[in-house]
């Protein structure tokens, strides 16, 4: 199920081969963005909520060690078993050992982007443990042997007819039936059996409260609750940045999360897990996997404020028209483009360049991450570290020489305008990526500086 690593542009080209799908994908996500806007505008204190959430998260990042120790102490007192994982490999070993200890060969899992980041499913399958994803969107892409393309809407790239074909093949539904209500009912029957038979359940964590040692999991389908309450073993996997200081702070984040993600006032289920049920084991796996390194990067530490709402994806013109799989990483879109290079600069050097830097992502972020600024800064780091192609590095050096000297800039502009007029074929060709999708504008007769100087002179 792991997509082979390649660059964003190549994968985006593949996605764009199906133009009707691209248009539908674009319009659907913008519809979700519009729903988000209506919910935000309905709350007079919306910007105060964003600022409050941002400040709470900044406080967490500045005192993360203390809050993690406090959370662990409270969780242990509650009867949970706490594990610490330095990286994805250790996380996968811990989960596998717990499941093997209990003889689990088949288990259920609700949505968890951390487990996607750690590639847990393939690891468990390699160790003889079958994983059934119980979020409907996650189950759809699992049956299709694809990774999620969106952190909130995992199968947003799939049409209902394609889902109908998948369900006919794997669940035995009638061929040609693509009615969403019917398919949802079929999935419910299919998953209910899995819930009842499973000895173990894995969930993600939306928020972990340091004050009480409890975890909050937000879903619209209730699948996390079904899995966790019916299983003998509940394993909750979370990144260390999911901590919030006090339970009262949930009143801020829960009001922001669903409105930003899907345009709902609140998720259908906001479930609190604090103590294991009688006879049940509750395991909490706290995962670093590069987060401490990101915390130490002053320009990028604020990315750890992310609450995984997906609002930046829904608004991003590049994501909407290139699809989530073009980012070849667990978390796609603008936020993924600033998180992934921290894990591996070489493999994800292309992602910060997959942006117009329009700033729409930063404008909608509920915790006020300066996403577009971090994209710009990552570009600088990647060029300096030598993780860009030779052509791009050479282009950056040329642009630096031109833009850093006014004289060079004026000469280059004058030469460029002359070339566009005298030899348009040198610009209007397939070697120019801009020309592939657009008509080049007519070259101006003069630069803005020349026009300004002449206009100023004429007015005297």
Protein backbone atom coordinates (compact mmCIF):
# COMPACT_ATOMS: atom_id res chain seq x y z
CA UNK A 1 0.00 0.00 0.00
CA UNK A 2 2.99 2.34 0.17
CA UNK A 3 3.11 4.59 -2.85
CA UNK A 4 6.57 4.69 -4.47
CA UNK A 5 8.25 7.99 -3.76
CA UNK A 6 8.40 10.33 -6.73
CA UNK A 7 7.99 14.06 -7.16
CA UNK A 8 4.79 16.01 -6.71
CA UNK A 9 4.74 17.40 -10.25
CA UNK A 10 4.84 13.94 -11.86
CA UNK A 11 2.07 12.57 -9.64
CA UNK A 12 0.00 15.74 -10.15
CA UNK A 13 0.31 15.31 -13.92
CA UNK A 14 -1.06 11.79 -13.56
CA UNK A 15 -3.99 13.02 -11.47
CA UNK A 16 -4.71 15.75 -14.02
CA UNK A 17 -5.06 13.25 -16.85
CA UNK A 18 -8.67 12.85 -15.70
CA UNK A 19 -9.91 16.43 -16.05
CA UNK A 20 -13.55 15.80 -14.99
CA UNK A 21 -12.28 14.17 -11.77
CA UNK A 22 -9.96 17.11 -11.11
CA UNK A 23 -12.83 19.58 -11.54
CA UNK A 24 -15.10 17.54 -9.29
CA UNK A 25 -12.35 17.15 -6.66
CA UNK A 26 -11.69 20.90 -6.75
CA UNK A 27 -15.34 21.90 -6.47
CA UNK A 28 -16.12 19.41 -3.69
CA UNK A 29 -13.28 20.60 -1.49
CA UNK A 30 -14.15 24.24 -2.10
CA UNK A 31 -17.72 23.42 -1.05
CA UNK A 32 -16.31 22.11 2.26
CA UNK A 33 -14.23 25.29 2.58
CA UNK A 34 -17.38 27.39 2.04
CA UNK A 35 -19.15 25.43 4.80
CA UNK A 36 -16.20 26.20 7.08
CA UNK A 37 -16.55 29.90 6.32
CA UNK A 38 -20.26 29.96 7.15
CA UNK A 39 -19.60 28.31 10.50
CA UNK A 40 -16.72 30.65 11.29
CA UNK A 41 -18.69 33.78 10.42
CA UNK A 42 -21.60 32.62 12.62
CA UNK A 43 -19.42 32.96 15.75
CA UNK A 44 -18.52 36.54 16.74
CA UNK A 45 -15.58 35.32 18.85
CA UNK A 46 -14.08 33.14 16.09
CA UNK A 47 -10.82 35.05 15.83
CA UNK A 48 -10.54 35.13 19.63
CA UNK A 49 -10.92 31.34 19.65
CA UNK A 50 -8.15 30.99 17.04
CA UNK A 51 -5.82 33.26 18.99
CA UNK A 52 -6.60 31.48 22.28
CA UNK A 53 -5.95 28.06 20.73
CA UNK A 54 -2.70 29.32 19.23
CA UNK A 55 -1.49 30.66 22.57
CA UNK A 56 -2.44 27.43 24.39
CA UNK A 57 -0.47 25.41 21.84
CA UNK A 58 2.51 27.75 22.09
CA UNK A 59 2.45 27.23 25.85
CA UNK A 60 2.41 23.47 25.32
CA UNK A 61 5.38 23.59 22.94
CA UNK A 62 7.33 25.72 25.39
CA UNK A 63 6.65 23.31 28.26
CA UNK A 64 6.16 20.03 26.43
CA UNK A 65 8.46 17.96 28.67
CA UNK A 66 6.58 18.95 31.83
CA UNK A 67 3.14 18.37 30.31
CA UNK A 68 4.14 14.95 28.98
CA UNK A 69 5.44 13.86 32.40
CA UNK A 70 2.24 15.15 34.03
CA UNK A 71 0.10 13.30 31.49
CA UNK A 72 2.03 10.07 32.03
CA UNK A 73 1.68 10.31 35.82
CA UNK A 74 -2.07 10.90 35.61
CA UNK A 75 -2.57 8.16 33.00
CA UNK A 76 -0.69 5.64 35.16
CA UNK A 77 -2.83 6.58 38.16
CA UNK A 78 -5.89 6.01 35.97
CA UNK A 79 -4.75 2.46 35.29
CA UNK A 80 -3.40 2.91 31.76
CA UNK A 81 -0.11 1.44 30.56
CA UNK A 82 2.10 4.11 28.97
CA UNK A 83 4.74 3.41 26.32
CA UNK A 84 7.27 5.79 24.76
CA UNK A 85 8.41 5.41 21.15
CA UNK A 86 11.33 7.39 19.73
CA UNK A 87 10.43 6.68 16.11
CA UNK A 88 8.04 4.85 13.79
CA UNK A 89 9.92 1.56 14.04
CA UNK A 90 9.72 1.52 17.84
CA UNK A 91 6.04 2.47 17.74
CA UNK A 92 5.32 -0.45 15.39
CA UNK A 93 7.30 -2.87 17.58
CA UNK A 94 5.43 -1.80 20.70
CA UNK A 95 2.01 -2.24 19.09
CA UNK A 96 2.99 -5.57 17.54
CA UNK A 97 4.30 -6.91 20.87
CA UNK A 98 1.07 -5.97 22.66
CA UNK A 99 -1.05 -7.71 20.04
CA UNK A 100 1.15 -10.80 19.93
CA UNK A 101 1.10 -11.05 23.71
CA UNK A 102 -2.68 -11.34 23.56
CA UNK A 103 -2.67 -13.69 20.58
CA UNK A 104 -4.45 -11.21 18.33
CA UNK A 105 -4.53 -12.18 14.64
CA UNK A 106 -7.24 -9.79 13.46
CA UNK A 107 -8.13 -6.40 14.93
CA UNK A 108 -9.99 -3.15 14.24
CA UNK A 109 -8.54 0.32 13.92
CA UNK A 110 -10.20 3.72 13.77
CA UNK A 111 -8.70 6.68 11.95
CA UNK A 112 -5.18 7.54 13.05
CA UNK A 113 -2.88 9.62 10.89
CA UNK A 114 -0.01 8.74 13.23
CA UNK A 115 -0.32 5.06 12.33
CA UNK A 116 -0.39 6.06 8.65
CA UNK A 117 2.77 8.10 9.24
CA UNK A 118 4.41 5.08 10.87
CA UNK A 119 3.13 2.63 8.20
CA UNK A 120 1.66 0.44 10.92
CA UNK A 121 -0.77 -1.53 8.74
CA UNK A 122 1.90 -3.04 6.44
CA UNK A 123 4.07 -3.82 9.46
CA UNK A 124 1.25 -5.69 11.22
CA UNK A 125 0.32 -7.56 8.05
CA UNK A 126 3.97 -8.64 7.68
CA UNK A 127 3.73 -10.05 11.20
CA UNK A 128 0.58 -12.05 10.51
CA UNK A 129 -1.94 -9.59 12.02
CA UNK A 130 -4.83 -8.44 9.83
CA UNK A 131 -6.01 -4.86 10.30
CA UNK A 132 -9.57 -3.75 9.57
CA UNK A 133 -9.91 0.02 9.24
CA UNK A 134 -13.34 0.97 10.57
CA UNK A 135 -13.64 4.58 9.48
CA UNK A 136 -15.77 4.32 6.33
CA UNK A 137 -13.45 6.40 4.18
CA UNK A 138 -10.39 4.57 5.50
CA UNK A 139 -12.04 1.20 4.84
CA UNK A 140 -12.79 2.24 1.26
CA UNK A 141 -9.17 3.14 0.48
CA UNK A 142 -7.99 0.04 2.32
CA UNK A 143 -10.12 -2.15 0.07
CA UNK A 144 -8.73 -0.23 -2.91
CA UNK A 145 -5.18 -0.82 -1.59
CA UNK A 146 -4.52 2.91 -1.55
CA UNK A 147 -3.39 5.31 1.18
CA UNK A 148 -5.77 8.06 2.34
CA UNK A 149 -5.66 11.16 0.17
CA UNK A 150 -6.97 13.54 2.86
CA UNK A 151 -6.61 13.50 6.64
CA UNK A 152 -10.34 14.04 7.27
CA UNK A 153 -11.88 12.82 3.99
CA UNK A 154 -9.70 9.80 3.17
CA UNK A 155 -11.53 8.77 -0.02
CA UNK A 156 -12.41 12.23 -1.34
CA UNK A 157 -10.76 11.27 -4.64
CA UNK A 158 -13.18 8.37 -5.16
CA UNK A 159 -16.54 8.61 -6.92
CA UNK A 160 -19.56 6.72 -5.61
CA UNK A 161 -19.59 4.47 -8.68
CA UNK A 162 -16.03 3.36 -7.94
CA UNK A 163 -16.97 2.70 -4.33
CA UNK A 164 -19.94 0.65 -5.51
CA UNK A 165 -17.60 -1.49 -7.61
CA UNK A 166 -15.24 -1.98 -4.65
CA UNK A 167 -18.10 -3.05 -2.39
CA UNK A 168 -19.43 -5.44 -5.04
CA UNK A 169 -16.00 -7.05 -5.29
CA UNK A 170 -15.18 -7.24 -1.58
CA UNK A 171 -18.51 -7.10 0.29
CA UNK A 172 -20.79 -8.78 -2.23
CA UNK A 173 -23.17 -5.88 -2.83
CA UNK A 174 -25.20 -5.92 -6.09
CA UNK A 175 -23.23 -4.88 -9.16
CA UNK A 176 -23.95 -1.36 -10.34
CA UNK A 177 -25.46 -0.16 -7.06
CA UNK A 178 -23.83 3.17 -6.20
CA UNK A 179 -26.47 4.57 -3.85
CA UNK A 180 -24.55 6.16 -0.92
CA UNK A 181 -27.19 5.24 1.66
CA UNK A 182 -27.22 1.61 0.54
CA UNK A 183 -23.43 1.39 0.47
CA UNK A 184 -23.18 2.93 3.95
CA UNK A 185 -25.66 0.37 5.30
CA UNK A 186 -23.65 -2.44 3.69
CA UNK A 187 -20.46 -1.13 5.28
CA UNK A 188 -22.18 -0.92 8.66
CA UNK A 189 -23.22 -4.58 8.50
CA UNK A 190 -19.75 -5.60 7.36
CA UNK A 191 -17.97 -3.68 10.13
CA UNK A 192 -20.41 -4.60 12.93
CA UNK A 193 -19.23 -8.20 12.71
CA UNK A 194 -15.61 -7.07 12.95
CA UNK A 195 -16.31 -4.97 16.05
CA UNK A 196 -18.02 -7.87 17.82
CA UNK A 197 -15.24 -10.37 17.03
CA UNK A 198 -12.17 -8.21 17.62
CA UNK A 199 -10.13 -8.69 20.79
CA UNK A 200 -8.10 -5.52 20.22
CA UNK A 201 -8.75 -2.02 18.91
CA UNK A 202 -6.42 0.79 17.94
CA UNK A 203 -7.54 4.42 18.00
CA UNK A 204 -5.85 7.71 17.34
CA UNK A 205 -5.97 10.62 19.78
CA UNK A 206 -7.18 14.13 19.00
CA UNK A 207 -6.35 15.65 22.37
CA UNK A 208 -4.59 14.35 25.48
CA UNK A 209 -5.24 16.27 28.69
CA UNK A 210 -2.16 16.61 30.93
CA UNK A 211 -4.26 17.60 33.94
CA UNK A 212 -6.32 14.39 34.00
CA UNK A 213 -4.45 11.84 31.90
CA UNK A 214 -7.50 11.38 29.65
CA UNK A 215 -7.69 11.25 25.87
CA UNK A 216 -10.36 12.66 23.57
CA UNK A 217 -11.16 11.02 20.24
CA UNK A 218 -13.42 12.85 17.79
CA UNK A 219 -15.40 10.94 15.15
CA UNK A 220 -18.60 11.29 13.17
CA UNK A 221 -19.26 7.56 12.88
CA UNK A 222 -18.73 6.32 16.43
CA UNK A 223 -16.34 3.64 15.19
CA UNK A 224 -13.65 4.52 17.72
CA UNK A 225 -16.15 4.00 20.54
CA UNK A 226 -17.39 0.70 19.14
CA UNK A 227 -13.88 -0.65 18.77
CA UNK A 228 -12.52 0.57 22.11
CA UNK A 229 -15.53 -0.46 24.23
CA UNK A 230 -15.98 -3.94 22.77
CA UNK A 231 -12.31 -4.97 22.68
CA UNK A 232 -10.29 -6.50 25.50
CA UNK A 233 -7.28 -4.37 24.57
CA UNK A 234 -7.45 -0.69 23.59
CA UNK A 235 -4.25 0.80 22.14
CA UNK A 236 -4.27 4.58 21.72
CA UNK A 237 -1.47 5.92 19.52
CA UNK A 238 -0.60 9.62 19.69
CA UNK A 239 2.09 12.06 18.73
CA UNK A 240 3.61 13.88 21.69
CA UNK A 241 2.29 17.22 20.38
CA UNK A 242 -1.35 16.21 21.04
CA UNK A 243 -1.10 17.37 24.65
CA UNK A 244 -3.23 20.22 25.98
CA UNK A 245 -2.78 21.46 29.57
CA UNK A 246 -6.28 21.31 31.09
CA UNK A 247 -9.68 19.82 30.40
CA UNK A 248 -11.28 23.29 30.18
CA UNK A 249 -9.16 23.98 27.10
CA UNK A 250 -11.22 21.41 25.21
CA UNK A 251 -13.94 24.06 25.07
CA UNK A 252 -11.71 26.04 22.74
CA UNK A 253 -10.40 23.25 20.52
CA UNK A 254 -13.63 21.31 20.08
CA UNK A 255 -15.37 24.45 18.83
CA UNK A 256 -12.62 25.01 16.29
CA UNK A 257 -11.92 21.47 15.08
CA UNK A 258 -15.14 20.37 13.38
CA UNK A 259 -15.99 23.83 12.06
CA UNK A 260 -12.58 24.01 10.39
CA UNK A 261 -12.63 20.40 9.15
CA UNK A 262 -16.11 19.83 7.75
CA UNK A 263 -18.17 22.92 8.55
CA UNK A 264 -20.00 21.23 11.46
CA UNK A 265 -20.59 22.89 14.84
CA UNK A 266 -19.02 19.86 16.53
CA UNK A 267 -18.17 16.25 15.71
CA UNK A 268 -20.97 13.76 16.30
CA UNK A 269 -18.90 11.97 18.93
CA UNK A 270 -16.29 13.57 21.18
CA UNK A 271 -15.35 10.57 23.32
CA UNK A 272 -13.30 10.72 26.50
CA UNK A 273 -11.12 7.75 27.46
CA UNK A 274 -9.63 7.92 30.93
CA UNK A 275 -9.66 4.54 32.66
CA UNK A 276 -9.74 1.00 31.26
CA UNK A 277 -13.02 -0.82 31.70
CA UNK A 278 -13.02 -3.74 34.17
CA UNK A 279 -11.06 -6.61 32.59
CA UNK A 280 -9.73 -4.38 29.82
CA UNK A 281 -6.18 -3.15 29.15
CA UNK A 282 -5.62 0.44 28.01
CA UNK A 283 -2.27 1.12 26.36
CA UNK A 284 -1.13 4.63 25.38
CA UNK A 285 1.78 4.90 22.96
CA UNK A 286 3.46 8.33 22.96
CA UNK A 287 5.42 8.82 19.75
CA UNK A 288 8.17 11.30 18.90
CA UNK A 289 9.21 10.33 15.34
CA UNK A 290 10.97 13.60 14.54
CA UNK A 291 8.75 15.90 16.58
CA UNK A 292 11.53 16.82 19.02
CA UNK A 293 13.72 17.69 16.06
CA UNK A 294 10.96 19.89 14.62
CA UNK A 295 10.50 21.48 18.04
CA UNK A 296 14.16 22.49 17.93
CA UNK A 297 13.77 24.22 14.55
CA UNK A 298 12.81 27.76 15.48
CA UNK A 299 11.35 28.56 12.07
CA UNK A 300 9.24 25.39 11.94
CA UNK A 301 8.31 24.47 15.53
CA UNK A 302 4.89 26.11 15.20
CA UNK A 303 3.88 23.40 12.74
CA UNK A 304 3.47 21.17 15.81
CA UNK A 305 0.42 23.23 16.79
CA UNK A 306 -1.53 21.40 14.06
CA UNK A 307 -4.79 19.74 15.19
CA UNK A 308 -5.23 17.82 11.88
CA UNK A 309 -8.43 19.54 10.74
CA UNK A 310 -7.54 19.57 7.04
CA UNK A 311 -8.76 23.15 6.47
CA UNK A 312 -5.51 24.07 4.72
CA UNK A 313 -6.10 21.25 2.21
CA UNK A 314 -9.67 22.28 1.49
CA UNK A 315 -8.62 25.82 0.62
CA UNK A 316 -5.33 25.12 -1.17
CA UNK A 317 -5.62 25.61 -4.97
CA UNK A 318 -2.66 23.30 -5.56
CA UNK A 319 -3.98 20.46 -3.38
CA UNK A 320 -7.48 20.74 -4.80
CA UNK A 321 -6.21 20.34 -8.35
CA UNK A 322 -3.37 17.87 -7.79
CA UNK A 323 -4.93 15.41 -5.31
CA UNK A 324 -3.63 14.10 -2.03
CA UNK A 325 -1.63 11.21 -3.45
CA UNK A 326 0.59 13.63 -5.35
CA UNK A 327 2.22 14.53 -2.01
CA UNK A 328 3.47 10.93 -1.51
CA UNK A 329 3.35 11.27 2.29
CA UNK A 330 0.83 10.40 5.02
CA UNK A 331 -0.23 14.01 5.64
CA UNK A 332 -0.81 15.77 2.33
CA UNK A 333 -1.47 19.40 1.46
CA UNK A 334 0.21 22.52 2.84
CA UNK A 335 0.62 21.20 6.38
CA UNK A 336 2.14 17.96 5.08
CA UNK A 337 4.54 19.97 2.93
CA UNK A 338 6.03 21.59 6.05
CA UNK A 339 5.98 18.44 8.20
CA UNK A 340 7.38 15.89 5.75
CA UNK A 341 10.78 17.53 5.07
CA UNK A 342 11.50 17.30 8.79
CA UNK A 343 11.24 13.51 8.49
CA UNK A 344 13.35 13.26 5.35
CA UNK A 345 14.59 16.31 3.43
CA UNK A 346 15.78 14.31 0.44
CA UNK A 347 12.56 12.35 -0.15
CA UNK A 348 10.23 15.31 0.39
CA UNK A 349 12.29 18.19 -1.03
CA UNK A 350 9.71 18.75 -3.76
CA UNK A 351 6.74 19.40 -1.45
CA UNK A 352 7.45 22.96 -0.22
CA UNK A 353 7.61 23.99 -3.88
CA UNK A 354 4.10 22.62 -4.50
CA UNK A 355 2.52 25.89 -3.44
CA UNK A 356 1.63 29.32 -4.81
CA UNK A 357 2.43 30.88 -1.39
CA UNK A 358 -0.96 32.62 -1.60
CA UNK A 359 -1.40 32.40 2.19
CA UNK A 360 -4.93 30.97 2.14
CA UNK A 361 -3.75 28.02 4.25
CA UNK A 362 -2.51 30.33 7.00
CA UNK A 363 -5.73 32.36 6.87
CA UNK A 364 -7.95 29.35 7.62
CA UNK A 365 -5.70 27.51 10.09
CA UNK A 366 -7.60 27.33 13.40
CA UNK A 367 -4.39 27.49 15.46
CA UNK A 368 -2.75 30.20 13.34
CA UNK A 369 0.22 28.26 11.94
CA UNK A 370 2.14 30.47 9.51
CA UNK A 371 2.07 27.70 6.90
CA UNK A 372 2.91 29.74 3.80
CA UNK A 373 5.81 31.42 5.56
CA UNK A 374 7.19 28.03 6.59
CA UNK A 375 6.83 26.75 3.03
CA UNK A 376 8.95 29.68 1.86
CA UNK A 377 11.55 29.07 4.59
CA UNK A 378 11.71 25.34 3.80
CA UNK A 379 12.55 26.22 0.21
CA UNK A 380 15.53 28.21 1.43
CA UNK A 381 16.70 25.40 3.72
CA UNK A 382 16.35 22.75 1.02
CA UNK A 383 18.34 24.76 -1.53
CA UNK A 384 21.05 25.51 1.04
CA UNK A 385 21.27 21.85 2.03
CA UNK A 386 21.56 20.74 -1.59
CA UNK A 387 18.30 18.77 -1.71
CA UNK A 388 16.95 20.35 -4.89
CA UNK A 389 17.70 19.41 -8.49
CA UNK A 390 20.73 20.91 -10.22
CA UNK A 391 18.48 22.89 -12.55
CA UNK A 392 16.47 24.35 -9.68
CA UNK A 393 19.62 25.19 -7.68
CA UNK A 394 21.17 26.90 -10.72
CA UNK A 395 17.94 28.81 -11.30
CA UNK A 396 17.90 29.98 -7.69
CA UNK A 397 21.49 31.23 -7.96
CA UNK A 398 20.69 33.12 -11.16
CA UNK A 399 17.58 34.64 -9.59
CA UNK A 400 19.60 35.63 -6.53
CA UNK A 401 22.19 37.38 -8.71
CA UNK A 402 19.47 39.19 -10.65
CA UNK A 403 17.17 40.18 -7.80
CA UNK A 404 19.91 41.25 -5.37
CA UNK A 405 21.28 43.91 -7.75
CA UNK A 406 18.94 46.63 -9.12
CA UNK A 407 21.15 47.11 -12.15
CA UNK A 408 21.06 43.41 -13.03
CA UNK A 409 17.31 43.36 -12.49
CA UNK A 410 16.70 46.24 -14.90
CA UNK A 411 19.00 44.76 -17.56
CA UNK A 412 17.37 41.31 -17.26
CA UNK A 413 13.88 42.82 -17.53
CA UNK A 414 14.80 44.82 -20.62
CA UNK A 415 16.42 41.78 -22.26
CA UNK A 416 13.46 39.57 -21.39
CA UNK A 417 10.93 41.97 -22.91
CA UNK A 418 13.03 42.21 -26.09
CA UNK A 419 13.32 38.41 -26.41
CA UNK A 420 9.55 37.95 -25.91
CA UNK A 421 8.87 40.44 -28.71
CA UNK A 422 11.60 39.41 -31.16
CA UNK A 423 11.75 35.65 -30.55
CA UNK A 424 8.44 34.53 -28.93
CA UNK A 425 9.26 30.89 -29.69
CA UNK A 426 12.07 30.99 -27.14
CA UNK A 427 9.44 31.51 -24.44
CA UNK A 428 6.32 29.93 -25.91
CA UNK A 429 7.50 26.32 -26.03
CA UNK A 430 7.13 23.08 -24.10
CA UNK A 431 10.36 23.74 -22.21
CA UNK A 432 8.49 26.46 -20.33
CA UNK A 433 6.21 24.83 -17.70
CA UNK A 434 4.09 27.99 -17.48
CA UNK A 435 3.32 27.84 -21.21
CA UNK A 436 2.09 24.23 -21.00
CA UNK A 437 -1.16 25.34 -19.33
CA UNK A 438 -1.42 29.04 -20.18
CA UNK A 439 -1.08 31.63 -22.91
CA UNK A 440 1.91 33.84 -22.27
CA UNK A 441 0.99 37.54 -21.81
CA UNK A 442 2.04 40.14 -24.33
CA UNK A 443 5.35 41.73 -23.32
CA UNK A 444 4.92 45.24 -21.89
CA UNK A 445 6.42 48.15 -23.77
CA UNK A 446 8.23 49.34 -20.64
CA UNK A 447 8.93 48.26 -17.08
CA UNK A 448 6.96 49.61 -14.15
CA UNK A 449 9.99 51.65 -13.05
CA UNK A 450 10.24 53.22 -16.51
CA UNK A 451 6.52 53.94 -16.56
CA UNK A 452 6.61 55.44 -13.07
CA UNK A 453 9.57 57.66 -13.88
CA UNK A 454 7.93 58.90 -17.10
CA UNK A 455 4.56 59.42 -15.44
CA UNK A 456 6.15 61.37 -12.60
CA UNK A 457 8.07 63.51 -15.09
CA UNK A 458 4.94 64.22 -17.17
CA UNK A 459 3.03 65.43 -14.11
CA UNK A 460 5.65 68.04 -13.20
